[in-house]
Amino acid sequence: LSQADAHYGGNLVAGAKLMELFGDVAT
């Protein structure tokens, strides 16, 4: 997960990013 994936303070990545990756695996 890159700095560009950080969406909130403290470098927290949004759960939506993980769901996007679920979609990639589903494809």
mmCIF file of all heavy atoms, coordinates in Angstrom:
data_MODEL
# 
_entry.id   MODEL 
# 
loop_
_atom_site.group_PDB 
_atom_site.id 
_atom_site.type_symbol 
_atom_site.label_atom_id 
_atom_site.label_alt_id 
_atom_site.label_comp_id 
_atom_site.label_asym_id 
_atom_site.label_entity_id 
_atom_site.label_seq_id 
_atom_site.pdbx_PDB_ins_code 
_atom_site.Cartn_x 
_atom_site.Cartn_y 
_atom_site.Cartn_z 
_atom_site.occupancy 
_atom_site.B_iso_or_equiv 
_atom_site.pdbx_formal_charge 
_atom_site.auth_seq_id 
_atom_site.auth_comp_id 
_atom_site.auth_asym_id 
_atom_site.auth_atom_id 
_atom_site.pdbx_PDB_model_num 
ATOM 1   N N   . LEU A 1 1  ? 0.855   -1.178  0.000   1.00 0.00 ? 1  LEU A N   1 
ATOM 2   C CA  . LEU A 1 1  ? 0.000   0.000   0.000   1.00 0.00 ? 1  LEU A CA  1 
ATOM 3   C C   . LEU A 1 1  ? 0.896   1.235   0.000   1.00 0.00 ? 1  LEU A C   1 
ATOM 4   O O   . LEU A 1 1  ? 1.818   1.334   0.810   1.00 0.00 ? 1  LEU A O   1 
ATOM 5   C CB  . LEU A 1 1  ? -0.922  -0.007  1.222   1.00 0.00 ? 1  LEU A CB  1 
ATOM 6   C CG  . LEU A 1 1  ? -1.956  -1.137  1.242   1.00 0.00 ? 1  LEU A CG  1 
ATOM 7   C CD1 . LEU A 1 1  ? -2.652  -1.214  2.597   1.00 0.00 ? 1  LEU A CD1 1 
ATOM 8   C CD2 . LEU A 1 1  ? -2.967  -0.969  0.117   1.00 0.00 ? 1  LEU A CD2 1 
ATOM 9   N N   . SER A 1 2  ? 0.646   2.154   -0.913  1.00 0.00 ? 2  SER A N   1 
ATOM 10  C CA  . SER A 1 2  ? 1.524   3.317   -1.077  1.00 0.00 ? 2  SER A CA  1 
ATOM 11  C C   . SER A 1 2  ? 0.992   4.523   -0.311  1.00 0.00 ? 2  SER A C   1 
ATOM 12  O O   . SER A 1 2  ? -0.135  4.529   0.182   1.00 0.00 ? 2  SER A O   1 
ATOM 13  C CB  . SER A 1 2  ? 1.645   3.670   -2.561  1.00 0.00 ? 2  SER A CB  1 
ATOM 14  O OG  . SER A 1 2  ? 0.459   4.289   -3.011  1.00 0.00 ? 2  SER A OG  1 
ATOM 15  N N   . GLN A 1 3  ? 1.802   5.548   -0.270  1.00 0.00 ? 3  GLN A N   1 
ATOM 16  C CA  . GLN A 1 3  ? 1.385   6.799   0.351   1.00 0.00 ? 3  GLN A CA  1 
ATOM 17  C C   . GLN A 1 3  ? 0.156   7.364   -0.369  1.00 0.00 ? 3  GLN A C   1 
ATOM 18  O O   . GLN A 1 3  ? -0.701  7.972   0.252   1.00 0.00 ? 3  GLN A O   1 
ATOM 19  C CB  . GLN A 1 3  ? 2.539   7.803   0.317   1.00 0.00 ? 3  GLN A CB  1 
ATOM 20  C CG  . GLN A 1 3  ? 2.345   8.982   1.236   1.00 0.00 ? 3  GLN A CG  1 
ATOM 21  C CD  . GLN A 1 3  ? 2.244   8.571   2.704   1.00 0.00 ? 3  GLN A CD  1 
ATOM 22  O OE1 . GLN A 1 3  ? 3.030   7.764   3.184   1.00 0.00 ? 3  GLN A OE1 1 
ATOM 23  N NE2 . GLN A 1 3  ? 1.259   9.112   3.405   1.00 0.00 ? 3  GLN A NE2 1 
ATOM 24  N N   . ALA A 1 4  ? 0.062   7.117   -1.672  1.00 0.00 ? 4  ALA A N   1 
ATOM 25  C CA  . ALA A 1 4  ? -1.102  7.576   -2.436  1.00 0.00 ? 4  ALA A CA  1 
ATOM 26  C C   . ALA A 1 4  ? -2.387  6.878   -1.990  1.00 0.00 ? 4  ALA A C   1 
ATOM 27  O O   . ALA A 1 4  ? -3.484  7.390   -2.217  1.00 0.00 ? 4  ALA A O   1 
ATOM 28  C CB  . ALA A 1 4  ? -0.876  7.351   -3.931  1.00 0.00 ? 4  ALA A CB  1 
ATOM 29  N N   . ASP A 1 5  ? -2.271  5.705   -1.350  1.00 0.00 ? 5  ASP A N   1 
ATOM 30  C CA  . ASP A 1 5  ? -3.444  4.980   -0.861  1.00 0.00 ? 5  ASP A CA  1 
ATOM 31  C C   . ASP A 1 5  ? -3.946  5.522   0.482   1.00 0.00 ? 5  ASP A C   1 
ATOM 32  O O   . ASP A 1 5  ? -5.064  5.231   0.882   1.00 0.00 ? 5  ASP A O   1 
ATOM 33  C CB  . ASP A 1 5  ? -3.133  3.488   -0.702  1.00 0.00 ? 5  ASP A CB  1 
ATOM 34  C CG  . ASP A 1 5  ? -2.813  2.815   -2.023  1.00 0.00 ? 5  ASP A CG  1 
ATOM 35  O OD1 . ASP A 1 5  ? -3.483  3.128   -3.023  1.00 0.00 ? 5  ASP A OD1 1 
ATOM 36  O OD2 . ASP A 1 5  ? -1.886  1.983   -2.050  1.00 0.00 ? 5  ASP A OD2 1 
ATOM 37  N N   . ALA A 1 6  ? -3.101  6.285   1.182   1.00 0.00 ? 6  ALA A N   1 
ATOM 38  C CA  . ALA A 1 6  ? -3.493  6.845   2.476   1.00 0.00 ? 6  ALA A CA  1 
ATOM 39  C C   . ALA A 1 6  ? -4.605  7.866   2.240   1.00 0.00 ? 6  ALA A C   1 
ATOM 40  O O   . ALA A 1 6  ? -4.500  8.756   1.407   1.00 0.00 ? 6  ALA A O   1 
ATOM 41  C CB  . ALA A 1 6  ? -2.297  7.483   3.159   1.00 0.00 ? 6  ALA A CB  1 
ATOM 42  N N   . HIS A 1 7  ? -5.679  7.718   2.993   1.00 0.00 ? 7  HIS A N   1 
ATOM 43  C CA  . HIS A 1 7  ? -6.849  8.567   2.786   1.00 0.00 ? 7  HIS A CA  1 
ATOM 44  C C   . HIS A 1 7  ? -7.181  9.393   4.025   1.00 0.00 ? 7  HIS A C   1 
ATOM 45  O O   . HIS A 1 7  ? -7.881  10.385  3.946   1.00 0.00 ? 7  HIS A O   1 
ATOM 46  C CB  . HIS A 1 7  ? -8.043  7.686   2.396   1.00 0.00 ? 7  HIS A CB  1 
ATOM 47  C CG  . HIS A 1 7  ? -9.244  8.435   1.932   1.00 0.00 ? 7  HIS A CG  1 
ATOM 48  N ND1 . HIS A 1 7  ? -9.303  9.075   0.716   1.00 0.00 ? 7  HIS A ND1 1 
ATOM 49  C CD2 . HIS A 1 7  ? -10.439 8.657   2.528   1.00 0.00 ? 7  HIS A CD2 1 
ATOM 50  C CE1 . HIS A 1 7  ? -10.481 9.651   0.577   1.00 0.00 ? 7  HIS A CE1 1 
ATOM 51  N NE2 . HIS A 1 7  ? -11.199 9.412   1.665   1.00 0.00 ? 7  HIS A NE2 1 
ATOM 52  N N   . TYR A 1 8  ? -6.682  8.967   5.164   1.00 0.00 ? 8  TYR A N   1 
ATOM 53  C CA  . TYR A 1 8  ? -6.988  9.615   6.434   1.00 0.00 ? 8  TYR A CA  1 
ATOM 54  C C   . TYR A 1 8  ? -5.691  9.910   7.186   1.00 0.00 ? 8  TYR A C   1 
ATOM 55  O O   . TYR A 1 8  ? -4.617  9.426   6.817   1.00 0.00 ? 8  TYR A O   1 
ATOM 56  C CB  . TYR A 1 8  ? -7.890  8.710   7.293   1.00 0.00 ? 8  TYR A CB  1 
ATOM 57  C CG  . TYR A 1 8  ? -9.206  8.397   6.635   1.00 0.00 ? 8  TYR A CG  1 
ATOM 58  C CD1 . TYR A 1 8  ? -9.458  7.133   6.108   1.00 0.00 ? 8  TYR A CD1 1 
ATOM 59  C CD2 . TYR A 1 8  ? -10.206 9.362   6.543   1.00 0.00 ? 8  TYR A CD2 1 
ATOM 60  C CE1 . TYR A 1 8  ? -10.668 6.848   5.509   1.00 0.00 ? 8  TYR A CE1 1 
ATOM 61  C CE2 . TYR A 1 8  ? -11.423 9.072   5.943   1.00 0.00 ? 8  TYR A CE2 1 
ATOM 62  C CZ  . TYR A 1 8  ? -11.644 7.814   5.431   1.00 0.00 ? 8  TYR A CZ  1 
ATOM 63  O OH  . TYR A 1 8  ? -12.841 7.530   4.837   1.00 0.00 ? 8  TYR A OH  1 
ATOM 64  N N   . GLY A 1 9  ? -5.803  10.678  8.270   1.00 0.00 ? 9  GLY A N   1 
ATOM 65  C CA  . GLY A 1 9  ? -4.654  10.980  9.102   1.00 0.00 ? 9  GLY A CA  1 
ATOM 66  C C   . GLY A 1 9  ? -3.980  9.718   9.613   1.00 0.00 ? 9  GLY A C   1 
ATOM 67  O O   . GLY A 1 9  ? -4.609  8.661   9.716   1.00 0.00 ? 9  GLY A O   1 
ATOM 68  N N   . GLY A 1 10 ? -2.699  9.832   9.898   1.00 0.00 ? 10 GLY A N   1 
ATOM 69  C CA  . GLY A 1 10 ? -1.952  8.675   10.393  1.00 0.00 ? 10 GLY A CA  1 
ATOM 70  C C   . GLY A 1 10 ? -1.677  7.637   9.330   1.00 0.00 ? 10 GLY A C   1 
ATOM 71  O O   . GLY A 1 10 ? -1.413  6.481   9.644   1.00 0.00 ? 10 GLY A O   1 
ATOM 72  N N   . ASN A 1 11 ? -1.760  8.035   8.052   1.00 0.00 ? 11 ASN A N   1 
ATOM 73  C CA  . ASN A 1 11 ? -1.508  7.126   6.921   1.00 0.00 ? 11 ASN A CA  1 
ATOM 74  C C   . ASN A 1 11 ? -2.515  5.984   6.823   1.00 0.00 ? 11 ASN A C   1 
ATOM 75  O O   . ASN A 1 11 ? -2.237  4.947   6.224   1.00 0.00 ? 11 ASN A O   1 
ATOM 76  C CB  . ASN A 1 11 ? -0.084  6.571   6.953   1.00 0.00 ? 11 ASN A CB  1 
ATOM 77  C CG  . ASN A 1 11 ? 0.937   7.625   6.617   1.00 0.00 ? 11 ASN A CG  1 
ATOM 78  O OD1 . ASN A 1 11 ? 0.675   8.498   5.786   1.00 0.00 ? 11 ASN A OD1 1 
ATOM 79  N ND2 . ASN A 1 11 ? 2.095   7.571   7.256   1.00 0.00 ? 11 ASN A ND2 1 
ATOM 80  N N   . LEU A 1 12 ? -3.692  6.166   7.397   1.00 0.00 ? 12 LEU A N   1 
ATOM 81  C CA  . LEU A 1 12 ? -4.735  5.144   7.350   1.00 0.00 ? 12 LEU A CA  1 
ATOM 82  C C   . LEU A 1 12 ? -5.297  5.019   5.933   1.00 0.00 ? 12 LEU A C   1 
ATOM 83  O O   . LEU A 1 12 ? -5.571  6.019   5.272   1.00 0.00 ? 12 LEU A O   1 
ATOM 84  C CB  . LEU A 1 12 ? -5.855  5.514   8.323   1.00 0.00 ? 12 LEU A CB  1 
ATOM 85  C CG  . LEU A 1 12 ? -6.960  4.486   8.540   1.00 0.00 ? 12 LEU A CG  1 
ATOM 86  C CD1 . LEU A 1 12 ? -6.393  3.226   9.192   1.00 0.00 ? 12 LEU A CD1 1 
ATOM 87  C CD2 . LEU A 1 12 ? -8.047  5.079   9.423   1.00 0.00 ? 12 LEU A CD2 1 
ATOM 88  N N   . VAL A 1 13 ? -5.440  3.779   5.473   1.00 0.00 ? 13 VAL A N   1 
ATOM 89  C CA  . VAL A 1 13 ? -5.982  3.482   4.143   1.00 0.00 ? 13 VAL A CA  1 
ATOM 90  C C   . VAL A 1 13 ? -7.471  3.166   4.282   1.00 0.00 ? 13 VAL A C   1 
ATOM 91  O O   . VAL A 1 13 ? -7.873  2.398   5.163   1.00 0.00 ? 13 VAL A O   1 
ATOM 92  C CB  . VAL A 1 13 ? -5.222  2.289   3.503   1.00 0.00 ? 13 VAL A CB  1 
ATOM 93  C CG1 . VAL A 1 13 ? -5.862  1.862   2.198   1.00 0.00 ? 13 VAL A CG1 1 
ATOM 94  C CG2 . VAL A 1 13 ? -3.753  2.651   3.302   1.00 0.00 ? 13 VAL A CG2 1 
ATOM 95  N N   . ALA A 1 14 ? -8.282  3.754   3.429   1.00 0.00 ? 14 ALA A N   1 
ATOM 96  C CA  . ALA A 1 14 ? -9.733  3.534   3.467   1.00 0.00 ? 14 ALA A CA  1 
ATOM 97  C C   . ALA A 1 14 ? -10.082 2.095   3.129   1.00 0.00 ? 14 ALA A C   1 
ATOM 98  O O   . ALA A 1 14 ? -9.444  1.461   2.274   1.00 0.00 ? 14 ALA A O   1 
ATOM 99  C CB  . ALA A 1 14 ? -10.428 4.491   2.492   1.00 0.00 ? 14 ALA A CB  1 
ATOM 100 N N   . GLY A 1 15 ? -11.111 1.593   3.782   1.00 0.00 ? 15 GLY A N   1 
ATOM 101 C CA  . GLY A 1 15 ? -11.592 0.248   3.482   1.00 0.00 ? 15 GLY A CA  1 
ATOM 102 C C   . GLY A 1 15 ? -12.011 0.096   2.032   1.00 0.00 ? 15 GLY A C   1 
ATOM 103 O O   . GLY A 1 15 ? -11.943 -0.999  1.463   1.00 0.00 ? 15 GLY A O   1 
ATOM 104 N N   . ALA A 1 16 ? -12.431 1.198   1.408   1.00 0.00 ? 16 ALA A N   1 
ATOM 105 C CA  . ALA A 1 16 ? -12.811 1.151   -0.008  1.00 0.00 ? 16 ALA A CA  1 
ATOM 106 C C   . ALA A 1 16 ? -11.656 0.682   -0.880  1.00 0.00 ? 16 ALA A C   1 
ATOM 107 O O   . ALA A 1 16 ? -11.876 0.028   -1.898  1.00 0.00 ? 16 ALA A O   1 
ATOM 108 C CB  . ALA A 1 16 ? -13.308 2.519   -0.469  1.00 0.00 ? 16 ALA A CB  1 
ATOM 109 N N   . LYS A 1 17 ? -10.427 1.009   -0.503  1.00 0.00 ? 17 LYS A N   1 
ATOM 110 C CA  . LYS A 1 17 ? -9.259  0.554   -1.277  1.00 0.00 ? 17 LYS A CA  1 
ATOM 111 C C   . LYS A 1 17 ? -9.166  -0.971  -1.216  1.00 0.00 ? 17 LYS A C   1 
ATOM 112 O O   . LYS A 1 17 ? -8.885  -1.627  -2.226  1.00 0.00 ? 17 LYS A O   1 
ATOM 113 C CB  . LYS A 1 17 ? -7.978  1.198   -0.737  1.00 0.00 ? 17 LYS A CB  1 
ATOM 114 C CG  . LYS A 1 17 ? -6.720  0.707   -1.419  1.00 0.00 ? 17 LYS A CG  1 
ATOM 115 C CD  . LYS A 1 17 ? -6.698  1.074   -2.896  1.00 0.00 ? 17 LYS A CD  1 
ATOM 116 C CE  . LYS A 1 17 ? -5.442  0.575   -3.571  1.00 0.00 ? 17 LYS A CE  1 
ATOM 117 N NZ  . LYS A 1 17 ? -5.387  0.931   -4.981  1.00 0.00 ? 17 LYS A NZ  1 
ATOM 118 N N   . LEU A 1 18 ? -9.420  -1.549  -0.055  1.00 0.00 ? 18 LEU A N   1 
ATOM 119 C CA  . LEU A 1 18 ? -9.365  -3.008  0.078   1.00 0.00 ? 18 LEU A CA  1 
ATOM 120 C C   . LEU A 1 18 ? -10.470 -3.653  -0.748  1.00 0.00 ? 18 LEU A C   1 
ATOM 121 O O   . LEU A 1 18 ? -10.261 -4.693  -1.387  1.00 0.00 ? 18 LEU A O   1 
ATOM 122 C CB  . LEU A 1 18 ? -9.459  -3.413  1.544   1.00 0.00 ? 18 LEU A CB  1 
ATOM 123 C CG  . LEU A 1 18 ? -8.398  -2.799  2.469   1.00 0.00 ? 18 LEU A CG  1 
ATOM 124 C CD1 . LEU A 1 18 ? -8.572  -3.314  3.889   1.00 0.00 ? 18 LEU A CD1 1 
ATOM 125 C CD2 . LEU A 1 18 ? -6.996  -3.057  1.956   1.00 0.00 ? 18 LEU A CD2 1 
ATOM 126 N N   . MET A 1 19 ? -11.645 -3.017  -0.780  1.00 0.00 ? 19 MET A N   1 
ATOM 127 C CA  . MET A 1 19 ? -12.739 -3.550  -1.592  1.00 0.00 ? 19 MET A CA  1 
ATOM 128 C C   . MET A 1 19 ? -12.409 -3.451  -3.079  1.00 0.00 ? 19 MET A C   1 
ATOM 129 O O   . MET A 1 19 ? -12.779 -4.337  -3.858  1.00 0.00 ? 19 MET A O   1 
ATOM 130 C CB  . MET A 1 19 ? -14.039 -2.834  -1.258  1.00 0.00 ? 19 MET A CB  1 
ATOM 131 C CG  . MET A 1 19 ? -14.502 -3.160  0.167   1.00 0.00 ? 19 MET A CG  1 
ATOM 132 S SD  . MET A 1 19 ? -15.997 -2.305  0.643   1.00 0.00 ? 19 MET A SD  1 
ATOM 133 C CE  . MET A 1 19 ? -17.194 -3.198  -0.331  1.00 0.00 ? 19 MET A CE  1 
ATOM 134 N N   . GLU A 1 20 ? -11.705 -2.399  -3.486  1.00 0.00 ? 20 GLU A N   1 
ATOM 135 C CA  . GLU A 1 20 ? -11.243 -2.295  -4.879  1.00 0.00 ? 20 GLU A CA  1 
ATOM 136 C C   . GLU A 1 20 ? -10.340 -3.478  -5.225  1.00 0.00 ? 20 GLU A C   1 
ATOM 137 O O   . GLU A 1 20 ? -10.449 -4.059  -6.305  1.00 0.00 ? 20 GLU A O   1 
ATOM 138 C CB  . GLU A 1 20 ? -10.492 -0.985  -5.071  1.00 0.00 ? 20 GLU A CB  1 
ATOM 139 C CG  . GLU A 1 20 ? -9.889  -0.802  -6.447  1.00 0.00 ? 20 GLU A CG  1 
ATOM 140 C CD  . GLU A 1 20 ? -9.027  0.454   -6.550  1.00 0.00 ? 20 GLU A CD  1 
ATOM 141 O OE1 . GLU A 1 20 ? -9.120  1.343   -5.698  1.00 0.00 ? 20 GLU A OE1 1 
ATOM 142 O OE2 . GLU A 1 20 ? -8.238  0.516   -7.514  1.00 0.00 ? 20 GLU A OE2 1 
ATOM 143 N N   . LEU A 1 21 ? -9.479  -3.849  -4.289  1.00 0.00 ? 21 LEU A N   1 
ATOM 144 C CA  . LEU A 1 21 ? -8.583  -4.986  -4.520  1.00 0.00 ? 21 LEU A CA  1 
ATOM 145 C C   . LEU A 1 21 ? -9.344  -6.303  -4.552  1.00 0.00 ? 21 LEU A C   1 
ATOM 146 O O   . LEU A 1 21 ? -8.986  -7.207  -5.313  1.00 0.00 ? 21 LEU A O   1 
ATOM 147 C CB  . LEU A 1 21 ? -7.480  -4.995  -3.461  1.00 0.00 ? 21 LEU A CB  1 
ATOM 148 C CG  . LEU A 1 21 ? -6.549  -3.784  -3.517  1.00 0.00 ? 21 LEU A CG  1 
ATOM 149 C CD1 . LEU A 1 21 ? -5.644  -3.739  -2.291  1.00 0.00 ? 21 LEU A CD1 1 
ATOM 150 C CD2 . LEU A 1 21 ? -5.734  -3.771  -4.802  1.00 0.00 ? 21 LEU A CD2 1 
ATOM 151 N N   . PHE A 1 22 ? -10.411 -6.423  -3.751  1.00 0.00 ? 22 PHE A N   1 
ATOM 152 C CA  . PHE A 1 22 ? -11.273 -7.610  -3.862  1.00 0.00 ? 22 PHE A CA  1 
ATOM 153 C C   . PHE A 1 22 ? -11.817 -7.709  -5.286  1.00 0.00 ? 22 PHE A C   1 
ATOM 154 O O   . PHE A 1 22 ? -11.881 -8.792  -5.871  1.00 0.00 ? 22 PHE A O   1 
ATOM 155 C CB  . PHE A 1 22 ? -12.452 -7.544  -2.885  1.00 0.00 ? 22 PHE A CB  1 
ATOM 156 C CG  . PHE A 1 22 ? -12.106 -7.720  -1.436  1.00 0.00 ? 22 PHE A CG  1 
ATOM 157 C CD1 . PHE A 1 22 ? -12.922 -7.163  -0.466  1.00 0.00 ? 22 PHE A CD1 1 
ATOM 158 C CD2 . PHE A 1 22 ? -11.002 -8.451  -1.028  1.00 0.00 ? 22 PHE A CD2 1 
ATOM 159 C CE1 . PHE A 1 22 ? -12.640 -7.325  0.876   1.00 0.00 ? 22 PHE A CE1 1 
ATOM 160 C CE2 . PHE A 1 22 ? -10.710 -8.621  0.317   1.00 0.00 ? 22 PHE A CE2 1 
ATOM 161 C CZ  . PHE A 1 22 ? -11.535 -8.054  1.272   1.00 0.00 ? 22 PHE A CZ  1 
ATOM 162 N N   . GLY A 1 23 ? -12.215 -6.587  -5.855  1.00 0.00 ? 23 GLY A N   1 
ATOM 163 C CA  . GLY A 1 23 ? -12.717 -6.564  -7.228  1.00 0.00 ? 23 GLY A CA  1 
ATOM 164 C C   . GLY A 1 23 ? -11.673 -7.014  -8.232  1.00 0.00 ? 23 GLY A C   1 
ATOM 165 O O   . GLY A 1 23 ? -11.988 -7.717  -9.199  1.00 0.00 ? 23 GLY A O   1 
ATOM 166 N N   . ASP A 1 24 ? -10.409 -6.619  -8.023  1.00 0.00 ? 24 ASP A N   1 
ATOM 167 C CA  . ASP A 1 24 ? -9.331  -7.054  -8.917  1.00 0.00 ? 24 ASP A CA  1 
ATOM 168 C C   . ASP A 1 24 ? -9.155  -8.570  -8.866  1.00 0.00 ? 24 ASP A C   1 
ATOM 169 O O   . ASP A 1 24 ? -8.983  -9.230  -9.891  1.00 0.00 ? 24 ASP A O   1 
ATOM 170 C CB  . ASP A 1 24 ? -8.017  -6.368  -8.555  1.00 0.00 ? 24 ASP A CB  1 
ATOM 171 C CG  . ASP A 1 24 ? -8.019  -4.889  -8.848  1.00 0.00 ? 24 ASP A CG  1 
ATOM 172 O OD1 . ASP A 1 24 ? -8.890  -4.419  -9.617  1.00 0.00 ? 24 ASP A OD1 1 
ATOM 173 O OD2 . ASP A 1 24 ? -7.139  -4.176  -8.309  1.00 0.00 ? 24 ASP A OD2 1 
ATOM 174 N N   . VAL A 1 25 ? -9.203  -9.128  -7.661  1.00 0.00 ? 25 VAL A N   1 
ATOM 175 C CA  . VAL A 1 25 ? -9.073  -10.583 -7.510  1.00 0.00 ? 25 VAL A CA  1 
ATOM 176 C C   . VAL A 1 25 ? -10.288 -11.284 -8.114  1.00 0.00 ? 25 VAL A C   1 
ATOM 177 O O   . VAL A 1 25 ? -10.155 -12.326 -8.774  1.00 0.00 ? 25 VAL A O   1 
ATOM 178 C CB  . VAL A 1 25 ? -8.863  -10.959 -6.028  1.00 0.00 ? 25 VAL A CB  1 
ATOM 179 C CG1 . VAL A 1 25 ? -8.966  -12.460 -5.820  1.00 0.00 ? 25 VAL A CG1 1 
ATOM 180 C CG2 . VAL A 1 25 ? -7.500  -10.467 -5.548  1.00 0.00 ? 25 VAL A CG2 1 
ATOM 181 N N   . ALA A 1 26 ? -11.476 -10.720 -7.931  1.00 0.00 ? 26 ALA A N   1 
ATOM 182 C CA  . ALA A 1 26 ? -12.688 -11.304 -8.518  1.00 0.00 ? 26 ALA A CA  1 
ATOM 183 C C   . ALA A 1 26 ? -12.586 -11.341 -10.040 1.00 0.00 ? 26 ALA A C   1 
ATOM 184 O O   . ALA A 1 26 ? -12.979 -12.334 -10.677 1.00 0.00 ? 26 ALA A O   1 
ATOM 185 C CB  . ALA A 1 26 ? -13.922 -10.505 -8.091  1.00 0.00 ? 26 ALA A CB  1 
ATOM 186 N N   . THR A 1 27 ? -12.041 -10.281 -10.623 1.00 0.00 ? 27 THR A N   1 
ATOM 187 C CA  . THR A 1 27 ? -11.863 -10.247 -12.083 1.00 0.00 ? 27 THR A CA  1 
ATOM 188 C C   . THR A 1 27 ? -10.961 -11.387 -12.526 1.00 0.00 ? 27 THR A C   1 
ATOM 189 O O   . THR A 1 27 ? -11.266 -12.099 -13.493 1.00 0.00 ? 27 THR A O   1 
ATOM 190 C CB  . THR A 1 27 ? -11.282 -8.890  -12.521 1.00 0.00 ? 27 THR A CB  1 
ATOM 191 O OG1 . THR A 1 27 ? -12.228 -7.874  -12.188 1.00 0.00 ? 27 THR A OG1 1 
ATOM 192 C CG2 . THR A 1 27 ? -11.009 -8.865  -14.005 1.00 0.00 ? 27 THR A CG2 1 
# 
